[in-house]
Amino acid sequence: MDGVSSLNTNKIGLYIHIPFCKSKCLYCDYPMTTNLNIQDRYFESLFKEIDLYKDKNLKIETLFLGGGTPTYVDIKNIEKLFKKLSDSFNFQPDEITIESNPEILTEELLHTYFSLGINRLSIGVQTFDNEILKRMNRKYNNEVIQEKYYLARRYFSNINFDFILGLPGDNWKSLEENIKYIEKMQPDHVSYYIFDSDHETPLRSLLNKGKLSLPDDAFIEEGYDFVISELSKVGYQRYEISNWAKNNFECKHNLKYWNNENYHGFGISAGGHIGNIRYTKTWILKDYMEKLANNEIPYDYYVQNEPLNELTEELFMGLRLIKGISVKNLEKKYGDLFLKFIKNLSTEVSDMIIVDDYVRLNEKGLDLSKMVFEKILEVRENIL
């Protein structure tokens, strides 16, 4: 418990991981369980974790409830969670996001979430293609997405759609259909991620066995260019590599990550960043609950970064933003270290990076961001 108070700052974001799902999707690599019988025990552990950080002077500016599927658990546990947060912190968030799969949403749930002050709903659409949804073990179809979205619109004026490009079966027809539905339904925010097959998932096992196959690289490259172009045409501004928003609908919580601001993470696998301290909590549910039963913060990883490592991570996050990172702020925080780092990086990726008032990626750099991030690590190693 010593040292927890030293992590506190006046204003932070808060992420809470709720790992319960009805079933596991083939592409999912997040820590989750389908065993709802332990949800009360999990929330008891979560409340003990909150007690270890309790500070009424700590203002929670944003809250993000992720998972898993937070809307799958008993609503009473969500209500208890909000009371616990109100009792433990200066809890007046401007933005409270909850993630959900479409099929779970009901009038009663939506009304209760709205009454609790939740004002942003993130719906895991992934695709409007029914064949792909069925193949990925998603428990809804195209029609359900539309029905639940319009139901949610009665309560929420800020709704995000999550999509994944490059799942097995993805093609130009499904991609064009996704854009048409976005244009028709007009969510306020769109996240469009490229599927990463490197993670250990049930889908990767099927791919390795040759039972399923992914679209080729040419489709992914051309398809993502199509997404970028078409979302712009239908009213969305790209503000991060994988995120688009209508005016003033950027995700405030996620901007705390990308702007290298302060946030805590509660629940299994949740990460935090306070000052130059970074941590993640254990990914193992049993360990999480056992450690908290002994009033021990269940860290998996905890480090106090040296300036070089903190700068590296700030570049990793901030260069995902289309606007980039303020050079003035970086010089103020890191001084000559930043100047040396950016000089070396600019030499390595001179055709992908722009440095003026902000350091940011150009169009080529955004397309090849993985290469830029690899170069950042190389520059870091050379400076060490």
Protein backbone atom coordinates (compact mmCIF):
# COMPACT_ATOMS: atom_id res chain seq x y z
CA MET A 1 0.00 0.00 0.00
CA ASP A 2 2.94 2.32 0.54
CA GLY A 3 3.58 4.22 -2.65
CA VAL A 4 0.03 4.14 -3.93
CA SER A 5 -0.61 7.70 -2.79
CA SER A 6 2.62 8.77 -4.45
CA LEU A 7 1.10 7.73 -7.78
CA ASN A 8 -1.83 10.11 -7.45
CA THR A 9 -2.20 13.24 -9.51
CA ASN A 10 -5.12 15.64 -9.43
CA LYS A 11 -6.87 14.61 -12.66
CA ILE A 12 -6.78 11.22 -14.34
CA GLY A 13 -8.63 8.83 -16.60
CA LEU A 14 -9.77 5.43 -15.33
CA TYR A 15 -10.06 2.14 -17.22
CA ILE A 16 -11.86 -0.80 -15.60
CA HIS A 17 -11.69 -4.27 -17.14
CA ILE A 18 -14.77 -6.46 -16.80
CA PRO A 19 -13.77 -9.82 -18.31
CA PHE A 20 -17.11 -11.59 -18.74
CA CYS A 21 -18.49 -12.70 -22.11
CA LYS A 22 -21.27 -14.99 -23.27
CA SER A 23 -18.80 -16.83 -25.52
CA LYS A 24 -15.27 -16.38 -26.84
CA CYS A 25 -14.92 -14.95 -30.34
CA LEU A 26 -12.35 -16.67 -32.54
CA TYR A 27 -10.14 -13.58 -32.93
CA CYS A 28 -10.20 -12.48 -29.26
CA ASP A 29 -6.93 -12.33 -27.30
CA TYR A 30 -8.25 -10.36 -24.32
CA PRO A 31 -8.45 -11.96 -20.86
CA MET A 32 -12.04 -13.13 -20.47
CA THR A 33 -14.24 -15.82 -18.95
CA THR A 34 -17.71 -17.16 -19.71
CA ASN A 35 -18.22 -18.18 -16.06
CA LEU A 36 -20.77 -15.69 -14.76
CA ASN A 37 -20.97 -17.59 -11.46
CA ILE A 38 -17.81 -15.83 -10.27
CA GLN A 39 -18.87 -12.31 -11.22
CA ASP A 40 -19.79 -11.35 -7.64
CA ARG A 41 -16.37 -12.51 -6.41
CA TYR A 42 -14.68 -10.57 -9.18
CA PHE A 43 -16.50 -7.36 -8.29
CA GLU A 44 -15.68 -7.86 -4.60
CA SER A 45 -12.01 -8.05 -5.62
CA LEU A 46 -12.43 -5.00 -7.83
CA PHE A 47 -13.89 -3.05 -4.91
CA LYS A 48 -10.91 -4.06 -2.73
CA GLU A 49 -8.58 -2.81 -5.45
CA ILE A 50 -10.43 0.51 -5.55
CA ASP A 51 -10.03 0.77 -1.76
CA LEU A 52 -6.24 0.59 -2.19
CA TYR A 53 -6.35 3.72 -4.37
CA LYS A 54 -9.08 5.62 -2.53
CA ASP A 55 -8.51 9.39 -2.62
CA LYS A 56 -11.33 11.94 -2.59
CA ASN A 57 -8.95 14.57 -4.00
CA LEU A 58 -8.35 12.47 -7.10
CA LYS A 59 -10.63 13.68 -9.89
CA ILE A 60 -11.74 11.06 -12.40
CA GLU A 61 -12.21 12.92 -15.70
CA THR A 62 -12.98 9.93 -17.92
CA LEU A 63 -14.11 6.36 -17.27
CA PHE A 64 -13.93 3.49 -19.75
CA LEU A 65 -15.59 0.16 -18.94
CA GLY A 66 -14.04 -2.43 -21.25
CA GLY A 67 -13.83 -6.17 -21.48
CA GLY A 68 -14.96 -8.69 -22.11
CA THR A 69 -18.50 -7.47 -22.41
CA PRO A 70 -19.32 -5.19 -19.46
CA THR A 71 -23.01 -5.14 -20.39
CA TYR A 72 -23.16 -8.94 -19.92
CA VAL A 73 -22.82 -8.81 -16.13
CA ASP A 74 -25.64 -8.26 -13.64
CA ILE A 75 -26.62 -4.59 -13.75
CA LYS A 76 -26.59 -4.54 -9.93
CA ASN A 77 -22.82 -5.03 -10.02
CA ILE A 78 -22.42 -2.04 -12.33
CA GLU A 79 -24.60 0.04 -10.01
CA LYS A 80 -22.47 -1.03 -7.01
CA LEU A 81 -19.34 -0.16 -8.97
CA PHE A 82 -20.55 3.38 -9.62
CA LYS A 83 -21.43 3.86 -5.95
CA LYS A 84 -17.98 2.59 -4.97
CA LEU A 85 -16.29 5.00 -7.37
CA SER A 86 -18.39 7.91 -6.10
CA ASP A 87 -17.50 7.05 -2.49
CA SER A 88 -13.79 6.64 -3.25
CA PHE A 89 -12.88 9.48 -5.63
CA ASN A 90 -13.92 12.90 -6.85
CA PHE A 91 -15.99 11.10 -9.45
CA GLN A 92 -17.41 13.57 -11.98
CA PRO A 93 -16.33 12.25 -15.39
CA ASP A 94 -17.07 14.25 -18.52
CA GLU A 95 -17.13 11.01 -20.50
CA ILE A 96 -18.15 7.51 -19.40
CA THR A 97 -17.87 4.78 -22.04
CA ILE A 98 -19.22 1.25 -21.83
CA GLU A 99 -18.50 -1.45 -24.41
CA SER A 100 -21.18 -3.86 -25.57
CA ASN A 101 -22.01 -6.43 -28.17
CA PRO A 102 -25.24 -5.48 -29.96
CA GLU A 103 -27.37 -8.50 -29.04
CA ILE A 104 -27.12 -7.83 -25.29
CA LEU A 105 -28.64 -4.35 -25.40
CA THR A 106 -32.20 -4.05 -24.09
CA GLU A 107 -34.42 -1.08 -23.30
CA GLU A 108 -34.03 -1.76 -19.55
CA LEU A 109 -30.24 -1.97 -19.70
CA LEU A 110 -29.88 1.14 -21.83
CA HIS A 111 -32.17 3.11 -19.52
CA THR A 112 -30.18 2.01 -16.45
CA TYR A 113 -26.80 2.83 -18.01
CA PHE A 114 -28.08 6.23 -19.05
CA SER A 115 -29.44 6.84 -15.53
CA LEU A 116 -26.02 6.00 -14.07
CA GLY A 117 -24.45 8.77 -16.14
CA ILE A 118 -22.91 6.60 -18.85
CA ASN A 119 -22.89 8.88 -21.90
CA ARG A 120 -20.89 6.99 -24.53
CA LEU A 121 -21.67 3.55 -25.95
CA SER A 122 -19.12 1.54 -27.93
CA ILE A 123 -20.74 -1.24 -29.96
CA GLY A 124 -18.61 -4.13 -31.20
CA VAL A 125 -19.99 -4.39 -34.73
CA GLN A 126 -16.81 -5.81 -36.39
CA THR A 127 -18.62 -6.25 -39.73
CA PHE A 128 -22.12 -6.17 -41.23
CA ASP A 129 -21.39 -9.37 -43.21
CA ASN A 130 -23.52 -12.15 -41.70
CA GLU A 131 -21.28 -14.96 -42.95
CA ILE A 132 -18.18 -13.46 -41.35
CA LEU A 133 -20.08 -12.82 -38.09
CA LYS A 134 -21.21 -16.44 -37.96
CA ARG A 135 -17.73 -17.73 -38.77
CA MET A 136 -16.20 -15.64 -35.97
CA ASN A 137 -18.73 -16.96 -33.41
CA ARG A 138 -20.49 -13.60 -33.02
CA LYS A 139 -24.00 -14.08 -31.60
CA TYR A 140 -25.88 -11.56 -33.75
CA ASN A 141 -26.44 -10.60 -37.36
CA ASN A 142 -26.76 -7.53 -39.54
CA GLU A 143 -30.41 -7.00 -38.63
CA VAL A 144 -29.71 -7.16 -34.88
CA ILE A 145 -26.97 -4.53 -35.17
CA GLN A 146 -29.40 -2.12 -36.79
CA GLU A 147 -32.26 -2.86 -34.38
CA LYS A 148 -30.10 -2.40 -31.27
CA TYR A 149 -28.37 0.69 -32.62
CA TYR A 150 -31.64 2.54 -33.19
CA LEU A 151 -32.85 1.41 -29.76
CA ALA A 152 -29.65 2.78 -28.19
CA ARG A 153 -30.13 6.09 -30.01
CA ARG A 154 -33.11 6.80 -27.74
CA TYR A 155 -30.64 7.16 -24.87
CA PHE A 156 -27.19 7.87 -26.29
CA SER A 157 -26.04 10.81 -28.38
CA ASN A 158 -22.47 9.47 -28.55
CA ILE A 159 -22.09 6.01 -30.09
CA ASN A 160 -19.00 4.31 -31.49
CA PHE A 161 -18.85 1.39 -33.94
CA ASP A 162 -15.85 -0.96 -33.76
CA PHE A 163 -14.81 -2.71 -36.99
CA ILE A 164 -12.07 -5.17 -37.93
CA LEU A 165 -10.59 -5.28 -41.43
CA GLY A 166 -9.07 -8.51 -42.68
CA LEU A 167 -11.02 -11.28 -40.97
CA PRO A 168 -11.44 -14.55 -42.90
CA GLY A 169 -13.96 -13.98 -45.68
CA ASP A 170 -13.53 -10.21 -45.75
CA ASN A 171 -13.74 -8.89 -49.32
CA TRP A 172 -14.60 -5.79 -51.30
CA LYS A 173 -18.33 -6.47 -51.11
CA SER A 174 -18.32 -6.69 -47.30
CA LEU A 175 -16.04 -3.66 -47.00
CA GLU A 176 -18.23 -1.50 -49.24
CA GLU A 177 -21.30 -2.70 -47.34
CA ASN A 178 -19.76 -1.63 -44.02
CA ILE A 179 -19.18 1.89 -45.35
CA LYS A 180 -22.75 2.07 -46.68
CA TYR A 181 -24.15 1.16 -43.27
CA ILE A 182 -21.91 3.71 -41.55
CA GLU A 183 -23.19 6.38 -43.94
CA LYS A 184 -26.79 5.29 -43.38
CA MET A 185 -26.67 4.90 -39.58
CA GLN A 186 -24.28 7.77 -38.77
CA PRO A 187 -22.56 6.65 -35.55
CA ASP A 188 -20.64 9.52 -33.95
CA HIS A 189 -17.32 7.68 -33.92
CA VAL A 190 -15.78 4.81 -35.89
CA SER A 191 -12.83 2.62 -34.92
CA TYR A 192 -11.50 0.52 -37.81
CA TYR A 193 -8.67 -1.85 -36.89
CA ILE A 194 -6.62 -4.17 -39.06
CA PHE A 195 -6.75 -7.76 -37.80
CA ASP A 196 -3.46 -8.87 -36.22
CA SER A 197 -2.93 -12.60 -36.72
CA ASP A 198 0.23 -12.70 -34.59
CA HIS A 199 -1.68 -13.04 -31.31
CA GLU A 200 -2.48 -16.42 -29.74
CA THR A 201 -6.18 -16.88 -30.48
CA PRO A 202 -8.50 -19.73 -31.52
CA LEU A 203 -8.52 -18.15 -34.98
CA ARG A 204 -4.74 -18.33 -35.26
CA SER A 205 -4.91 -22.05 -34.50
CA LEU A 206 -7.42 -22.55 -37.32
CA LEU A 207 -5.24 -20.49 -39.67
CA ASN A 208 -2.17 -22.56 -38.80
CA LYS A 209 -4.12 -25.75 -39.53
CA GLY A 210 -5.25 -24.38 -42.88
CA LYS A 211 -8.94 -24.53 -41.95
CA LEU A 212 -9.39 -20.79 -42.56
CA SER A 213 -7.43 -18.22 -44.54
CA LEU A 214 -7.00 -14.47 -44.38
CA PRO A 215 -7.41 -11.95 -47.20
CA ASP A 216 -4.14 -11.16 -48.97
CA ASP A 217 -1.93 -8.19 -48.11
CA ALA A 218 -2.94 -6.30 -51.26
CA PHE A 219 -6.59 -6.34 -50.19
CA ILE A 220 -5.69 -5.13 -46.69
CA GLU A 221 -3.57 -2.26 -48.03
CA GLU A 222 -6.05 -1.17 -50.70
CA GLY A 223 -9.00 -1.81 -48.40
CA TYR A 224 -7.64 0.42 -45.66
CA ASP A 225 -6.97 3.20 -48.16
CA PHE A 226 -10.61 2.78 -49.22
CA VAL A 227 -11.79 3.07 -45.58
CA ILE A 228 -9.74 6.25 -45.09
CA SER A 229 -11.08 7.81 -48.28
CA GLU A 230 -14.73 6.82 -47.84
CA LEU A 231 -15.06 7.74 -44.17
CA SER A 232 -13.82 11.21 -45.03
CA LYS A 233 -16.49 11.48 -47.73
CA VAL A 234 -19.32 10.57 -45.34
CA GLY A 235 -18.44 13.07 -42.62
CA TYR A 236 -15.73 11.59 -40.41
CA GLN A 237 -12.39 13.15 -39.50
CA ARG A 238 -9.47 10.80 -38.99
CA TYR A 239 -7.71 11.85 -35.78
CA GLU A 240 -5.74 8.69 -34.98
CA ILE A 241 -4.36 5.83 -37.07
CA SER A 242 -7.45 3.64 -36.50
CA ASN A 243 -10.05 6.16 -35.30
CA TRP A 244 -12.46 8.60 -36.93
CA ALA A 245 -14.97 10.99 -35.37
CA LYS A 246 -17.53 13.57 -36.22
CA ASN A 247 -16.68 17.05 -34.99
CA ASN A 248 -16.07 17.07 -31.20
CA PHE A 249 -16.79 13.34 -30.82
CA GLU A 250 -13.20 12.16 -30.37
CA CYS A 251 -12.87 9.65 -27.53
CA LYS A 252 -11.65 11.73 -24.57
CA HIS A 253 -10.51 8.70 -22.61
CA ASN A 254 -8.39 7.22 -25.38
CA LEU A 255 -6.86 10.65 -26.01
CA LYS A 256 -5.38 10.35 -22.52
CA TYR A 257 -3.44 7.30 -23.74
CA TRP A 258 -2.29 8.90 -26.98
CA ASN A 259 -1.38 12.21 -25.31
CA ASN A 260 0.64 10.35 -22.65
CA GLU A 261 -1.54 11.70 -19.85
CA ASN A 262 -2.25 10.08 -16.48
CA TYR A 263 -4.66 7.19 -16.01
CA HIS A 264 -5.22 4.27 -13.67
CA GLY A 265 -6.36 0.79 -14.62
CA PHE A 266 -8.39 -1.52 -12.37
CA GLY A 267 -9.26 -5.16 -13.03
CA ILE A 268 -7.29 -7.96 -14.65
CA SER A 269 -4.85 -6.90 -17.39
CA ALA A 270 -5.63 -3.19 -16.86
CA GLY A 271 -2.74 -0.79 -17.38
CA GLY A 272 -1.89 2.56 -15.86
CA HIS A 273 0.44 5.51 -16.43
CA ILE A 274 1.10 8.08 -13.72
CA GLY A 275 4.02 10.46 -14.25
CA ASN A 276 6.86 8.20 -15.38
CA ILE A 277 5.37 5.09 -13.76
CA ARG A 278 3.75 2.44 -15.93
CA TYR A 279 2.10 -0.76 -14.80
CA THR A 280 -0.25 -3.56 -15.79
CA LYS A 281 -2.27 -5.81 -13.53
CA THR A 282 -2.07 -9.59 -13.71
CA TRP A 283 -3.85 -11.29 -16.60
CA ILE A 284 -4.70 -14.34 -14.46
CA LEU A 285 -8.11 -14.15 -12.81
CA LYS A 286 -7.23 -16.46 -9.90
CA ASP A 287 -4.05 -14.50 -9.07
CA TYR A 288 -5.97 -11.23 -9.26
CA MET A 289 -8.55 -12.30 -6.70
CA GLU A 290 -6.06 -14.05 -4.39
CA LYS A 291 -3.69 -11.08 -4.21
CA LEU A 292 -6.48 -8.65 -3.47
CA ALA A 293 -7.81 -10.97 -0.75
CA ASN A 294 -4.44 -10.27 0.91
CA ASN A 295 -4.70 -6.50 0.27
CA GLU A 296 -1.93 -6.72 -2.32
CA ILE A 297 -2.07 -4.73 -5.56
CA PRO A 298 -2.03 -7.45 -8.26
CA TYR A 299 0.72 -6.09 -10.49
CA ASP A 300 2.00 -8.09 -13.43
CA TYR A 301 4.38 -5.29 -14.43
CA TYR A 302 5.49 -2.11 -12.67
CA VAL A 303 8.31 0.18 -13.77
CA GLN A 304 9.51 3.69 -13.11
CA ASN A 305 10.73 4.80 -16.51
CA GLU A 306 14.03 6.52 -17.13
CA PRO A 307 13.58 9.59 -19.40
CA LEU A 308 14.68 7.68 -22.53
CA ASN A 309 12.09 4.95 -22.04
CA GLU A 310 9.36 7.45 -21.21
CA LEU A 311 10.19 9.45 -24.36
CA THR A 312 10.10 6.25 -26.42
CA GLU A 313 6.65 5.37 -25.12
CA GLU A 314 5.40 8.93 -25.60
CA LEU A 315 6.47 8.79 -29.25
CA PHE A 316 4.87 5.37 -29.64
CA MET A 317 1.53 6.71 -28.46
CA GLY A 318 1.59 10.28 -29.75
CA LEU A 319 2.64 9.45 -33.30
CA ARG A 320 -0.59 7.50 -33.64
CA LEU A 321 -2.37 10.86 -33.59
CA ILE A 322 -2.78 12.60 -36.93
CA LYS A 323 -1.78 15.92 -35.36
CA GLY A 324 1.24 14.31 -33.67
CA ILE A 325 2.98 15.66 -30.56
CA SER A 326 3.93 19.22 -29.64
CA VAL A 327 7.67 19.75 -30.15
CA LYS A 328 7.60 22.53 -27.55
CA ASN A 329 6.20 20.15 -24.93
CA LEU A 330 8.69 17.42 -25.81
CA GLU A 331 11.61 19.84 -25.57
CA LYS A 332 10.34 21.07 -22.21
CA LYS A 333 10.02 17.53 -20.82
CA TYR A 334 13.11 15.89 -22.33
CA GLY A 335 15.46 18.69 -23.42
CA ASP A 336 18.53 17.62 -25.39
CA LEU A 337 17.48 13.97 -25.19
CA PHE A 338 14.47 14.68 -27.41
CA LEU A 339 16.54 16.73 -29.87
CA LYS A 340 19.08 13.91 -30.18
CA PHE A 341 16.37 11.27 -30.51
CA ILE A 342 14.33 13.10 -33.14
CA LYS A 343 17.44 13.93 -35.17
CA ASN A 344 18.36 10.25 -35.33
CA LEU A 345 14.78 9.20 -36.05
CA SER A 346 14.37 11.78 -38.81
CA THR A 347 17.50 10.39 -40.48
CA GLU A 348 16.07 6.86 -40.39
CA VAL A 349 12.56 7.73 -41.64
CA SER A 350 13.03 11.11 -43.32
CA ASP A 351 10.34 10.33 -45.91
CA MET A 352 7.75 9.34 -43.29
CA ILE A 353 7.98 12.00 -40.59
CA ILE A 354 7.35 15.74 -40.39
CA VAL A 355 8.93 17.94 -37.72
CA ASP A 356 7.74 21.56 -37.35
CA ASP A 357 5.64 22.75 -34.40
CA TYR A 358 4.57 19.13 -34.07
CA VAL A 359 6.35 15.87 -34.78
CA ARG A 360 3.95 13.70 -36.77
CA LEU A 361 3.73 11.07 -39.45
CA ASN A 362 2.95 11.99 -43.05
CA GLU A 363 0.65 9.88 -45.21
CA LYS A 364 3.38 7.36 -45.99
CA GLY A 365 4.37 7.19 -42.33
CA LEU A 366 0.78 6.51 -41.29
CA ASP A 367 0.55 3.72 -43.87
CA LEU A 368 3.87 2.25 -42.67
CA SER A 369 3.53 3.13 -38.99
CA LYS A 370 4.69 -0.32 -37.87
CA MET A 371 8.02 0.33 -39.61
CA VAL A 372 8.31 3.76 -37.95
CA PHE A 373 7.68 2.26 -34.51
CA GLU A 374 10.35 -0.38 -35.16
CA LYS A 375 12.78 2.41 -36.05
CA ILE A 376 11.90 4.21 -32.80
CA LEU A 377 13.03 1.11 -30.90
CA GLU A 378 16.24 0.95 -32.94
CA VAL A 379 17.02 4.61 -32.20
CA ARG A 380 16.37 3.98 -28.52
CA GLU A 381 18.82 1.05 -28.49
CA ASN A 382 21.48 3.13 -30.25
CA ILE A 383 21.17 5.93 -27.70
CA LEU A 384 21.36 3.61 -24.67
